Amino acid sequence: MREIILDTETTGLDPLRGDRLVEIGGIELVNQYPTGRTFHVYINPERDMPEEAFRVHGLSAEFLREKPVFAQVVEDFVSFAEGARLVIHNASFDMGFINAELKRTGREPISMDRVLDTLAMARRKFPGAAASLDALCSRFGIDNSKRTKHGALLDAELLAEVYIELIGGRQGSLVLADSRRSATRTATEHGPIRQREQPLASRLSPDAVARHAAFIAEMGEKAIWYDTLPKPEPG
């Protein structure tokens, strides 16, 4: 499954009152692992930068004046996001701006059916707790010390880590497939187990397996190996 972790910066809070996008950042995940593909662009909003917004992201009108307008980057953005689920924190905010910009260029809006809101996920998982990106980084032990101001690509990178934790983390990929007890625990506590499409070939010879089984048998029935291995049938 292909997903895009997405974040934006804007000139304000309301695209219907003239506020515009000034930055988009995106991180591509496939099967919940980063591929290394990213999308990042600064955008000329074709208007001034209110002081309140500048204090949030530090992007001045002077800095943005030489950047492309949205119509010049829309093809690249649509191509990058095409066919993927969009994972966004407080999705209604970002999608309101993205769809307003798409409308200005004569494009179809992106359906909210394609969007997963991590803010809503966090509020369901931790009712009553703070659910901002900074609060979730703190909860999950994610280093956000570089986030002195908001930035779309940095925030998307942090959100990618938060999202993985919200859906259960990566512990499931470390569980031995033949450990039924551990696999059950991982599936319920950490989300679905992600396995290789092509299992690795065993490096153990039949002789090595037999010698290891004999070694364990010498330890008696209470050997900790039997926590993950079947006990031998009585002979």
Foldseek 3Di string as FASTA:
>chain_A
DKEKEKDWAWLDQAVVVLIATFKIKIFIDDVLHTPPDMDIFGAQSVDARDPVSCVFAVQGNVNRVPGHHCLVCVVVVCVVCPPHQYEYAVVVRVQNRVQSSCVVNVHHRDDCVSYDHVQVLVCVVPPPDDRDLVRLCVVVVNDPVVCPHDDTHSSSVSVSVSVQVSQFHQVLQVDDPQQVVVNVVCCVRRNHRDYDPDDDDDPDDPVNVVVVLVVQVVVPPPDPVCNRDPDDDDD
